Amino acid sequence: MTGFRPLPFSGPCQVILGGGRRELMPKTVQDIETKQAGRRGDGKNLISVWKDLKKNAKAKYVTNREGLLGINTTETDYVLGECVPGWVKPNRSESFPSSFSKKNQL
């Protein structure tokens, strides 16, 4: 396992974007796109955990660029975005919509 450290899904983090969806899935679950097994040895599916924690919130889970850019930020408070191979290209600079700036200053 890599140096991945589980994030505090119940904390103040509103937008979580990252690569390595397999790192969030147990070894017993196969990724629907890559057909590869997850890498978590503890049996936890952190994607499902996040969805369960946010089921009564205005939350979106996205798995591709189009899904991320298609989010209506006026109707969404929480985002979990997981990359799969090919979503993010190295050394490519792109801007996210200005609506992805912090909604609330800490």
PDB file of N, CA and C in Angstrom:
ATOM      1  N   MET A   1       0.843  -1.179   0.000  1.00  0.00           N
ATOM      2  CA  MET A   1       0.000   0.000   0.000  1.00  0.00           C
ATOM      3  C   MET A   1       0.885   1.238   0.000  1.00  0.00           C
ATOM      4  N   THR A   2       0.427   2.261  -0.654  1.00  0.00           N
ATOM      5  CA  THR A   2       1.169   3.510  -0.719  1.00  0.00           C
ATOM      6  C   THR A   2       1.037   4.272   0.591  1.00  0.00           C
ATOM      7  N   GLY A   3       1.515   5.493   0.621  1.00  0.00           N
ATOM      8  CA  GLY A   3       1.436   6.314   1.813  1.00  0.00           C
ATOM      9  C   GLY A   3       0.080   6.961   1.992  1.00  0.00           C
ATOM     10  N   PHE A   4      -0.963   6.445   1.361  1.00  0.00           N
ATOM     11  CA  PHE A   4      -2.300   7.015   1.455  1.00  0.00           C
ATOM     12  C   PHE A   4      -2.790   7.002   2.890  1.00  0.00           C
ATOM     13  N   ARG A   5      -3.265   8.140   3.332  1.00  0.00           N
ATOM     14  CA  ARG A   5      -3.822   8.253   4.678  1.00  0.00           C
ATOM     15  C   ARG A   5      -5.294   8.631   4.546  1.00  0.00           C
ATOM     16  N   PRO A   6      -6.194   7.856   5.149  1.00  0.00           N
ATOM     17  CA  PRO A   6      -7.620   8.172   5.041  1.00  0.00           C
ATOM     18  C   PRO A   6      -7.917   9.589   5.497  1.00  0.00           C
ATOM     19  N   LEU A   7      -8.772  10.270   4.762  1.00  0.00           N
ATOM     20  CA  LEU A   7      -9.162  11.631   5.105  1.00  0.00           C
ATOM     21  C   LEU A   7     -10.316  11.614   6.096  1.00  0.00           C
ATOM     22  N   PRO A   8     -10.433  12.648   6.899  1.00  0.00           N
ATOM     23  CA  PRO A   8     -11.539  12.728   7.851  1.00  0.00           C
ATOM     24  C   PRO A   8     -12.825  13.123   7.125  1.00  0.00           C
ATOM     25  N   PHE A   9     -13.547  12.148   6.582  1.00  0.00           N
ATOM     26  CA  PHE A   9     -14.715  12.439   5.765  1.00  0.00           C
ATOM     27  C   PHE A   9     -15.793  13.211   6.508  1.00  0.00           C
ATOM     28  N   SER A  10     -15.828  13.111   7.817  1.00  0.00           N
ATOM     29  CA  SER A  10     -16.865  13.809   8.563  1.00  0.00           C
ATOM     30  C   SER A  10     -16.426  15.204   8.997  1.00  0.00           C
ATOM     31  N   GLY A  11     -15.241  15.610   8.612  1.00  0.00           N
ATOM     32  CA  GLY A  11     -14.714  16.915   9.011  1.00  0.00           C
ATOM     33  C   GLY A  11     -15.126  18.034   8.074  1.00  0.00           C
ATOM     34  N   PRO A  12     -14.417  19.139   8.142  1.00  0.00           N
ATOM     35  CA  PRO A  12     -14.806  20.334   7.404  1.00  0.00           C
ATOM     36  C   PRO A  12     -14.419  20.340   5.922  1.00  0.00           C
ATOM     37  N   CYS A  13     -13.797  19.297   5.428  1.00  0.00           N
ATOM     38  CA  CYS A  13     -13.351  19.265   4.043  1.00  0.00           C
ATOM     39  C   CYS A  13     -14.554  19.216   3.108  1.00  0.00           C
ATOM     40  N   GLN A  14     -14.671  20.199   2.208  1.00  0.00           N
ATOM     41  CA  GLN A  14     -15.818  20.253   1.315  1.00  0.00           C
ATOM     42  C   GLN A  14     -15.529  19.680  -0.065  1.00  0.00           C
ATOM     43  N   VAL A  15     -14.288  19.772  -0.508  1.00  0.00           N
ATOM     44  CA  VAL A  15     -13.923  19.251  -1.821  1.00  0.00           C
ATOM     45  C   VAL A  15     -12.710  18.346  -1.670  1.00  0.00           C
ATOM     46  N   ILE A  16     -12.863  17.098  -2.092  1.00  0.00           N
ATOM     47  CA  ILE A  16     -11.764  16.135  -2.054  1.00  0.00           C
ATOM     48  C   ILE A  16     -11.544  15.651  -3.475  1.00  0.00           C
ATOM     49  N   LEU A  17     -10.378  15.950  -4.026  1.00  0.00           N
ATOM     50  CA  LEU A  17     -10.022  15.507  -5.367  1.00  0.00           C
ATOM     51  C   LEU A  17      -8.735  14.721  -5.272  1.00  0.00           C
ATOM     52  N   GLY A  18      -8.692  13.593  -5.929  1.00  0.00           N
ATOM     53  CA  GLY A  18      -7.470  12.815  -5.844  1.00  0.00           C
ATOM     54  C   GLY A  18      -7.405  11.726  -6.887  1.00  0.00           C
ATOM     55  N   GLY A  19      -6.251  11.181  -6.987  1.00  0.00           N
ATOM     56  CA  GLY A  19      -6.045  10.080  -7.920  1.00  0.00           C
ATOM     57  C   GLY A  19      -5.991   8.772  -7.166  1.00  0.00           C
ATOM     58  N   GLY A  20      -6.111   7.727  -7.898  1.00  0.00           N
ATOM     59  CA  GLY A  20      -6.005   6.420  -7.266  1.00  0.00           C
ATOM     60  C   GLY A  20      -7.279   5.928  -6.649  1.00  0.00           C
ATOM     61  N   ARG A  21      -8.345   5.857  -7.422  1.00  0.00           N
ATOM     62  CA  ARG A  21      -9.625   5.369  -6.907  1.00  0.00           C
ATOM     63  C   ARG A  21      -9.470   3.991  -6.276  1.00  0.00           C
ATOM     64  N   ARG A  22      -8.570   3.187  -6.821  1.00  0.00           N
ATOM     65  CA  ARG A  22      -8.352   1.841  -6.275  1.00  0.00           C
ATOM     66  C   ARG A  22      -7.867   1.893  -4.834  1.00  0.00           C
ATOM     67  N   GLU A  23      -7.226   2.973  -4.440  1.00  0.00           N
ATOM     68  CA  GLU A  23      -6.753   3.114  -3.059  1.00  0.00           C
ATOM     69  C   GLU A  23      -7.917   3.268  -2.087  1.00  0.00           C
ATOM     70  N   LEU A  24      -9.074   3.630  -2.575  1.00  0.00           N
ATOM     71  CA  LEU A  24     -10.250   3.825  -1.728  1.00  0.00           C
ATOM     72  C   LEU A  24     -11.164   2.611  -1.719  1.00  0.00           C
ATOM     73  N   MET A  25     -10.849   1.610  -2.547  1.00  0.00           N
ATOM     74  CA  MET A  25     -11.698   0.432  -2.686  1.00  0.00           C
ATOM     75  C   MET A  25     -11.024  -0.797  -2.086  1.00  0.00           C
ATOM     76  N   PRO A  26     -11.824  -1.701  -1.480  1.00  0.00           N
ATOM     77  CA  PRO A  26     -11.238  -2.927  -0.929  1.00  0.00           C
ATOM     78  C   PRO A  26     -10.771  -3.858  -2.043  1.00  0.00           C
ATOM     79  N   LYS A  27      -9.903  -4.771  -1.681  1.00  0.00           N
ATOM     80  CA  LYS A  27      -9.370  -5.737  -2.646  1.00  0.00           C
ATOM     81  C   LYS A  27     -10.463  -6.612  -3.250  1.00  0.00           C
ATOM     82  N   THR A  28     -11.582  -6.712  -2.574  1.00  0.00           N
ATOM     83  CA  THR A  28     -12.676  -7.571  -3.029  1.00  0.00           C
ATOM     84  C   THR A  28     -13.579  -6.896  -4.059  1.00  0.00           C
ATOM     85  N   VAL A  29     -13.339  -5.622  -4.354  1.00  0.00           N
ATOM     86  CA  VAL A  29     -14.170  -4.877  -5.308  1.00  0.00           C
ATOM     87  C   VAL A  29     -13.355  -4.549  -6.547  1.00  0.00           C
ATOM     88  N   GLN A  30     -13.967  -4.777  -7.699  1.00  0.00           N
ATOM     89  CA  GLN A  30     -13.302  -4.495  -8.967  1.00  0.00           C
ATOM     90  C   GLN A  30     -13.769  -3.140  -9.496  1.00  0.00           C
ATOM     91  N   ASP A  31     -12.826  -2.308  -9.939  1.00  0.00           N
ATOM     92  CA  ASP A  31     -13.140  -1.015 -10.539  1.00  0.00           C
ATOM     93  C   ASP A  31     -13.934  -1.263 -11.823  1.00  0.00           C
ATOM     94  N   ILE A  32     -15.057  -0.566 -11.979  1.00  0.00           N
ATOM     95  CA  ILE A  32     -15.914  -0.811 -13.134  1.00  0.00           C
ATOM     96  C   ILE A  32     -15.298  -0.354 -14.457  1.00  0.00           C
ATOM     97  N   GLU A  33     -14.354   0.575 -14.390  1.00  0.00           N
ATOM     98  CA  GLU A  33     -13.724   1.071 -15.622  1.00  0.00           C
ATOM     99  C   GLU A  33     -12.428   0.344 -15.954  1.00  0.00           C
ATOM    100  N   THR A  34     -11.567   0.183 -14.958  1.00  0.00           N
ATOM    101  CA  THR A  34     -10.251  -0.420 -15.229  1.00  0.00           C
ATOM    102  C   THR A  34     -10.258  -1.932 -15.085  1.00  0.00           C
ATOM    103  N   LYS A  35     -11.298  -2.472 -14.445  1.00  0.00           N
ATOM    104  CA  LYS A  35     -11.428  -3.915 -14.177  1.00  0.00           C
ATOM    105  C   LYS A  35     -10.345  -4.436 -13.231  1.00  0.00           C
ATOM    106  N   GLN A  36      -9.684  -3.528 -12.508  1.00  0.00           N
ATOM    107  CA  GLN A  36      -8.659  -3.923 -11.545  1.00  0.00           C
ATOM    108  C   GLN A  36      -9.244  -3.890 -10.139  1.00  0.00           C
ATOM    109  N   ALA A  37      -8.730  -4.765  -9.294  1.00  0.00           N
ATOM    110  CA  ALA A  37      -9.201  -4.839  -7.915  1.00  0.00           C
ATOM    111  C   ALA A  37      -8.712  -3.647  -7.109  1.00  0.00           C
ATOM    112  N   GLY A  38      -9.488  -3.293  -6.084  1.00  0.00           N
ATOM    113  CA  GLY A  38      -9.059  -2.249  -5.162  1.00  0.00           C
ATOM    114  C   GLY A  38      -7.815  -2.687  -4.409  1.00  0.00           C
ATOM    115  N   ARG A  39      -7.273  -1.781  -3.609  1.00  0.00           N
ATOM    116  CA  ARG A  39      -6.015  -2.071  -2.908  1.00  0.00           C
ATOM    117  C   ARG A  39      -6.137  -2.063  -1.386  1.00  0.00           C
ATOM    118  N   ARG A  40      -7.311  -1.752  -0.857  1.00  0.00           N
ATOM    119  CA  ARG A  40      -7.451  -1.674   0.600  1.00  0.00           C
ATOM    120  C   ARG A  40      -7.555  -3.058   1.196  1.00  0.00           C
ATOM    121  N   GLY A  41      -6.682  -3.352   2.135  1.00  0.00           N
ATOM    122  CA  GLY A  41      -6.685  -4.644   2.807  1.00  0.00           C
ATOM    123  C   GLY A  41      -7.635  -4.723   3.982  1.00  0.00           C
ATOM    124  N   ASP A  42      -8.171  -3.584   4.419  1.00  0.00           N
ATOM    125  CA  ASP A  42      -9.048  -3.586   5.591  1.00  0.00           C
ATOM    126  C   ASP A  42     -10.512  -3.851   5.240  1.00  0.00           C
ATOM    127  N   GLY A  43     -10.809  -4.021   3.951  1.00  0.00           N
ATOM    128  CA  GLY A  43     -12.168  -4.326   3.531  1.00  0.00           C
ATOM    129  C   GLY A  43     -13.098  -3.124   3.426  1.00  0.00           C
ATOM    130  N   LYS A  44     -12.623  -1.943   3.748  1.00  0.00           N
ATOM    131  CA  LYS A  44     -13.473  -0.752   3.707  1.00  0.00           C
ATOM    132  C   LYS A  44     -13.506  -0.160   2.299  1.00  0.00           C
ATOM    133  N   ASN A  45     -14.684   0.255   1.889  1.00  0.00           N
ATOM    134  CA  ASN A  45     -14.847   0.981   0.639  1.00  0.00           C
ATOM    135  C   ASN A  45     -15.089   2.440   1.024  1.00  0.00           C
ATOM    136  N   LEU A  46     -14.053   3.249   0.951  1.00  0.00           N
ATOM    137  CA  LEU A  46     -14.157   4.633   1.424  1.00  0.00           C
ATOM    138  C   LEU A  46     -15.056   5.493   0.544  1.00  0.00           C
ATOM    139  N   ILE A  47     -15.273   5.079  -0.690  1.00  0.00           N
ATOM    140  CA  ILE A  47     -16.225   5.797  -1.543  1.00  0.00           C
ATOM    141  C   ILE A  47     -17.628   5.606  -0.972  1.00  0.00           C
ATOM    142  N   SER A  48     -17.973   4.374  -0.629  1.00  0.00           N
ATOM    143  CA  SER A  48     -19.281   4.087  -0.031  1.00  0.00           C
ATOM    144  C   SER A  48     -19.430   4.765   1.325  1.00  0.00           C
ATOM    145  N   VAL A  49     -18.352   4.785   2.113  1.00  0.00           N
ATOM    146  CA  VAL A  49     -18.390   5.456   3.416  1.00  0.00           C
ATOM    147  C   VAL A  49     -18.719   6.934   3.229  1.00  0.00           C
ATOM    148  N   TRP A  50     -18.039   7.586   2.281  1.00  0.00           N
ATOM    149  CA  TRP A  50     -18.279   9.015   2.020  1.00  0.00           C
ATOM    150  C   TRP A  50     -19.718   9.232   1.567  1.00  0.00           C
ATOM    151  N   LYS A  51     -20.196   8.412   0.635  1.00  0.00           N
ATOM    152  CA  LYS A  51     -21.569   8.554   0.147  1.00  0.00           C
ATOM    153  C   LYS A  51     -22.579   8.389   1.278  1.00  0.00           C
ATOM    154  N   ASP A  52     -22.355   7.429   2.158  1.00  0.00           N
ATOM    155  CA  ASP A  52     -23.258   7.217   3.292  1.00  0.00           C
ATOM    156  C   ASP A  52     -23.255   8.424   4.231  1.00  0.00           C
ATOM    157  N   LEU A  53     -22.074   8.967   4.492  1.00  0.00           N
ATOM    158  CA  LEU A  53     -21.976  10.125   5.383  1.00  0.00           C
ATOM    159  C   LEU A  53     -22.632  11.369   4.788  1.00  0.00           C
ATOM    160  N   LYS A  54     -22.666  11.452   3.477  1.00  0.00           N
ATOM    161  CA  LYS A  54     -23.203  12.637   2.801  1.00  0.00           C
ATOM    162  C   LYS A  54     -24.591  12.419   2.209  1.00  0.00           C
ATOM    163  N   LYS A  55     -25.261  11.314   2.541  1.00  0.00           N
ATOM    164  CA  LYS A  55     -26.539  10.997   1.898  1.00  0.00           C
ATOM    165  C   LYS A  55     -27.618  12.041   2.142  1.00  0.00           C
ATOM    166  N   ASN A  56     -27.541  12.789   3.227  1.00  0.00           N
ATOM    167  CA  ASN A  56     -28.521  13.845   3.503  1.00  0.00           C
ATOM    168  C   ASN A  56     -27.979  15.237   3.204  1.00  0.00           C
ATOM    169  N   ALA A  57     -26.842  15.280   2.529  1.00  0.00           N
ATOM    170  CA  ALA A  57     -26.216  16.561   2.187  1.00  0.00           C
ATOM    171  C   ALA A  57     -26.288  16.775   0.681  1.00  0.00           C
ATOM    172  N   LYS A  58     -25.977  17.969   0.264  1.00  0.00           N
ATOM    173  CA  LYS A  58     -25.895  18.278  -1.169  1.00  0.00           C
ATOM    174  C   LYS A  58     -24.496  17.884  -1.628  1.00  0.00           C
ATOM    175  N   ALA A  59     -24.343  16.610  -1.969  1.00  0.00           N
ATOM    176  CA  ALA A  59     -23.018  16.069  -2.277  1.00  0.00           C
ATOM    177  C   ALA A  59     -23.014  15.371  -3.624  1.00  0.00           C
ATOM    178  N   LYS A  60     -21.869  15.435  -4.302  1.00  0.00           N
ATOM    179  CA  LYS A  60     -21.690  14.774  -5.595  1.00  0.00           C
ATOM    180  C   LYS A  60     -20.394  13.987  -5.595  1.00  0.00           C
ATOM    181  N   TYR A  61     -20.465  12.798  -6.163  1.00  0.00           N
ATOM    182  CA  TYR A  61     -19.287  11.967  -6.396  1.00  0.00           C
ATOM    183  C   TYR A  61     -19.077  11.922  -7.900  1.00  0.00           C
ATOM    184  N   VAL A  62     -17.884  12.302  -8.355  1.00  0.00           N
ATOM    185  CA  VAL A  62     -17.591  12.319  -9.784  1.00  0.00           C
ATOM    186  C   VAL A  62     -16.356  11.483 -10.077  1.00  0.00           C
ATOM    187  N   THR A  63     -16.341  10.912 -11.274  1.00  0.00           N
ATOM    188  CA  THR A  63     -15.227  10.046 -11.662  1.00  0.00           C
ATOM    189  C   THR A  63     -14.552  10.484 -12.945  1.00  0.00           C
ATOM    190  N   ASN A  64     -14.962  11.640 -13.470  1.00  0.00           N
ATOM    191  CA  ASN A  64     -14.296  12.126 -14.680  1.00  0.00           C
ATOM    192  C   ASN A  64     -14.371  13.648 -14.756  1.00  0.00           C
ATOM    193  N   ARG A  65     -13.624  14.191 -15.678  1.00  0.00           N
ATOM    194  CA  ARG A  65     -13.533  15.647 -15.835  1.00  0.00           C
ATOM    195  C   ARG A  65     -14.893  16.264 -16.146  1.00  0.00           C
ATOM    196  N   GLU A  66     -15.632  15.618 -17.026  1.00  0.00           N
ATOM    197  CA  GLU A  66     -16.943  16.141 -17.409  1.00  0.00           C
ATOM    198  C   GLU A  66     -17.880  16.211 -16.202  1.00  0.00           C
ATOM    199  N   GLY A  67     -17.836  15.184 -15.375  1.00  0.00           N
ATOM    200  CA  GLY A  67     -18.647  15.186 -14.167  1.00  0.00           C
ATOM    201  C   GLY A  67     -18.271  16.310 -13.223  1.00  0.00           C
ATOM    202  N   LEU A  68     -16.974  16.551 -13.089  1.00  0.00           N
ATOM    203  CA  LEU A  68     -16.500  17.620 -12.213  1.00  0.00           C
ATOM    204  C   LEU A  68     -16.933  18.983 -12.729  1.00  0.00           C
ATOM    205  N   LEU A  69     -16.702  19.231 -14.006  1.00  0.00           N
ATOM    206  CA  LEU A  69     -17.049  20.533 -14.569  1.00  0.00           C
ATOM    207  C   LEU A  69     -18.554  20.730 -14.707  1.00  0.00           C
ATOM    208  N   GLY A  70     -19.317  19.631 -14.667  1.00  0.00           N
ATOM    209  CA  GLY A  70     -20.764  19.723 -14.781  1.00  0.00           C
ATOM    210  C   GLY A  70     -21.484  19.943 -13.459  1.00  0.00           C
ATOM    211  N   ILE A  71     -20.750  20.004 -12.373  1.00  0.00           N
ATOM    212  CA  ILE A  71     -21.380  20.198 -11.063  1.00  0.00           C
ATOM    213  C   ILE A  71     -21.973  21.601 -10.964  1.00  0.00           C
ATOM    214  N   ASN A  72     -23.210  21.667 -10.520  1.00  0.00           N
ATOM    215  CA  ASN A  72     -23.854  22.944 -10.242  1.00  0.00           C
ATOM    216  C   ASN A  72     -23.424  23.344  -8.833  1.00  0.00           C
ATOM    217  N   THR A  73     -22.487  24.265  -8.744  1.00  0.00           N
ATOM    218  CA  THR A  73     -21.909  24.609  -7.440  1.00  0.00           C
ATOM    219  C   THR A  73     -22.861  25.378  -6.531  1.00  0.00           C
ATOM    220  N   THR A  74     -23.925  25.911  -7.082  1.00  0.00           N
ATOM    221  CA  THR A  74     -24.901  26.578  -6.212  1.00  0.00           C
ATOM    222  C   THR A  74     -25.800  25.554  -5.523  1.00  0.00           C
ATOM    223  N   GLU A  75     -25.803  24.310  -6.028  1.00  0.00           N
ATOM    224  CA  GLU A  75     -26.631  23.259  -5.443  1.00  0.00           C
ATOM    225  C   GLU A  75     -25.794  22.136  -4.826  1.00  0.00           C
ATOM    226  N   THR A  76     -24.482  22.337  -4.708  1.00  0.00           N
ATOM    227  CA  THR A  76     -23.589  21.294  -4.210  1.00  0.00           C
ATOM    228  C   THR A  76     -22.681  21.862  -3.138  1.00  0.00           C
ATOM    229  N   ASP A  77     -22.660  21.213  -1.979  1.00  0.00           N
ATOM    230  CA  ASP A  77     -21.793  21.644  -0.879  1.00  0.00           C
ATOM    231  C   ASP A  77     -20.554  20.774  -0.726  1.00  0.00           C
ATOM    232  N   TYR A  78     -20.631  19.503  -1.149  1.00  0.00           N
ATOM    233  CA  TYR A  78     -19.524  18.558  -0.976  1.00  0.00           C
ATOM    234  C   TYR A  78     -19.251  17.824  -2.283  1.00  0.00           C
ATOM    235  N   VAL A  79     -17.952  17.636  -2.573  1.00  0.00           N
ATOM    236  CA  VAL A  79     -17.555  16.926  -3.789  1.00  0.00           C
ATOM    237  C   VAL A  79     -16.449  15.938  -3.447  1.00  0.00           C
ATOM    238  N   LEU A  80     -16.623  14.706  -3.913  1.00  0.00           N
ATOM    239  CA  LEU A  80     -15.559  13.721  -3.897  1.00  0.00           C
ATOM    240  C   LEU A  80     -15.292  13.383  -5.353  1.00  0.00           C
ATOM    241  N   GLY A  81     -14.102  13.711  -5.828  1.00  0.00           N
ATOM    242  CA  GLY A  81     -13.727  13.437  -7.208  1.00  0.00           C
ATOM    243  C   GLY A  81     -12.528  12.523  -7.252  1.00  0.00           C
ATOM    244  N   GLU A  82     -12.701  11.374  -7.879  1.00  0.00           N
ATOM    245  CA  GLU A  82     -11.621  10.399  -7.981  1.00  0.00           C
ATOM    246  C   GLU A  82     -11.203  10.217  -9.421  1.00  0.00           C
ATOM    247  N   CYS A  83      -9.920  10.273  -9.629  1.00  0.00           N
ATOM    248  CA  CYS A  83      -9.363  10.134 -10.969  1.00  0.00           C
ATOM    249  C   CYS A  83      -9.170   8.669 -11.334  1.00  0.00           C
ATOM    250  N   VAL A  84      -9.252   8.429 -12.608  1.00  0.00           N
ATOM    251  CA  VAL A  84      -8.874   7.134 -13.179  1.00  0.00           C
ATOM    252  C   VAL A  84      -7.841   7.437 -14.249  1.00  0.00           C
ATOM    253  N   PRO A  85      -7.105   6.447 -14.706  1.00  0.00           N
ATOM    254  CA  PRO A  85      -6.087   6.707 -15.729  1.00  0.00           C
ATOM    255  C   PRO A  85      -6.664   7.481 -16.917  1.00  0.00           C
ATOM    256  N   GLY A  86      -5.948   8.503 -17.320  1.00  0.00           N
ATOM    257  CA  GLY A  86      -6.354   9.282 -18.473  1.00  0.00           C
ATOM    258  C   GLY A  86      -7.161  10.530 -18.161  1.00  0.00           C
ATOM    259  N   TRP A  87      -7.656  10.673 -16.906  1.00  0.00           N
ATOM    260  CA  TRP A  87      -8.452  11.855 -16.577  1.00  0.00           C
ATOM    261  C   TRP A  87      -7.570  13.094 -16.525  1.00  0.00           C
ATOM    262  N   VAL A  88      -6.476  13.006 -15.820  1.00  0.00           N
ATOM    263  CA  VAL A  88      -5.576  14.142 -15.666  1.00  0.00           C
ATOM    264  C   VAL A  88      -4.293  13.861 -16.439  1.00  0.00           C
ATOM    265  N   LYS A  89      -3.927  14.769 -17.294  1.00  0.00           N
ATOM    266  CA  LYS A  89      -2.705  14.625 -18.073  1.00  0.00           C
ATOM    267  C   LYS A  89      -1.577  15.391 -17.378  1.00  0.00           C
ATOM    268  N   PRO A  90      -0.385  14.794 -17.256  1.00  0.00           N
ATOM    269  CA  PRO A  90       0.734  15.481 -16.626  1.00  0.00           C
ATOM    270  C   PRO A  90       1.109  16.759 -17.377  1.00  0.00           C
ATOM    271  N   ASN A  91       1.552  17.750 -16.636  1.00  0.00           N
ATOM    272  CA  ASN A  91       2.040  19.015 -17.190  1.00  0.00           C
ATOM    273  C   ASN A  91       1.002  19.758 -18.014  1.00  0.00           C
ATOM    274  N   ARG A  92      -0.237  19.533 -17.751  1.00  0.00           N
ATOM    275  CA  ARG A  92      -1.292  20.244 -18.464  1.00  0.00           C
ATOM    276  C   ARG A  92      -1.926  21.226 -17.502  1.00  0.00           C
ATOM    277  N   SER A  93      -1.924  22.483 -17.854  1.00  0.00           N
ATOM    278  CA  SER A  93      -2.459  23.471 -16.928  1.00  0.00           C
ATOM    279  C   SER A  93      -3.870  23.857 -17.363  1.00  0.00           C
ATOM    280  N   GLU A  94      -4.798  23.717 -16.434  1.00  0.00           N
ATOM    281  CA  GLU A  94      -6.187  24.072 -16.689  1.00  0.00           C
ATOM    282  C   GLU A  94      -6.719  24.810 -15.475  1.00  0.00           C
ATOM    283  N   SER A  95      -7.696  25.629 -15.708  1.00  0.00           N
ATOM    284  CA  SER A  95      -8.319  26.357 -14.619  1.00  0.00           C
ATOM    285  C   SER A  95      -9.658  25.727 -14.290  1.00  0.00           C
ATOM    286  N   PHE A  96      -9.944  25.626 -13.002  1.00  0.00           N
ATOM    287  CA  PHE A  96     -11.263  25.204 -12.583  1.00  0.00           C
ATOM    288  C   PHE A  96     -12.150  26.431 -12.565  1.00  0.00           C
ATOM    289  N   PRO A  97     -13.446  26.259 -12.708  1.00  0.00           N
ATOM    290  CA  PRO A  97     -14.339  27.411 -12.661  1.00  0.00           C
ATOM    291  C   PRO A  97     -14.159  28.182 -11.357  1.00  0.00           C
ATOM    292  N   SER A  98     -14.335  29.492 -11.428  1.00  0.00           N
ATOM    293  CA  SER A  98     -14.143  30.318 -10.235  1.00  0.00           C
ATOM    294  C   SER A  98     -15.112  29.942  -9.131  1.00  0.00           C
ATOM    295  N   SER A  99     -16.206  29.271  -9.470  1.00  0.00           N
ATOM    296  CA  SER A  99     -17.172  28.866  -8.449  1.00  0.00           C
ATOM    297  C   SER A  99     -16.616  27.792  -7.530  1.00  0.00           C
ATOM    298  N   PHE A 100     -15.449  27.213  -7.869  1.00  0.00           N
ATOM    299  CA  PHE A 100     -14.836  26.222  -7.000  1.00  0.00           C
ATOM    300  C   PHE A 100     -13.973  26.866  -5.917  1.00  0.00           C
ATOM    301  N   SER A 101     -13.976  28.193  -5.828  1.00  0.00           N
ATOM    302  CA  SER A 101     -13.243  28.839  -4.747  1.00  0.00           C
ATOM    303  C   SER A 101     -13.968  28.552  -3.442  1.00  0.00           C
ATOM    304  N   LYS A 102     -13.296  28.781  -2.336  1.00  0.00           N
ATOM    305  CA  LYS A 102     -13.882  28.480  -1.025  1.00  0.00           C
ATOM    306  C   LYS A 102     -15.194  29.228  -0.844  1.00  0.00           C
ATOM    307  N   LYS A 103     -16.216  28.492  -0.438  1.00  0.00           N
ATOM    308  CA  LYS A 103     -17.497  29.124  -0.154  1.00  0.00           C
ATOM    309  C   LYS A 103     -17.463  29.825   1.201  1.00  0.00           C
ATOM    310  N   ASN A 104     -16.778  29.203   2.124  1.00  0.00           N
ATOM    311  CA  ASN A 104     -16.711  29.755   3.485  1.00  0.00           C
ATOM    312  C   ASN A 104     -15.262  29.898   3.903  1.00  0.00           C
ATOM    313  N   GLN A 105     -14.898  31.027   4.359  1.00  0.00           N
ATOM    314  CA  GLN A 105     -13.539  31.225   4.864  1.00  0.00           C
ATOM    315  C   GLN A 105     -13.470  30.722   6.304  1.00  0.00           C
ATOM    316  N   LEU A 106     -12.413  29.999   6.625  1.00  0.00           N
ATOM    317  CA  LEU A 106     -12.271  29.482   7.993  1.00  0.00           C
ATOM    318  C   LEU A 106     -11.754  30.535   8.926  1.00  0.00           C
TER     319      LEU A 106
END
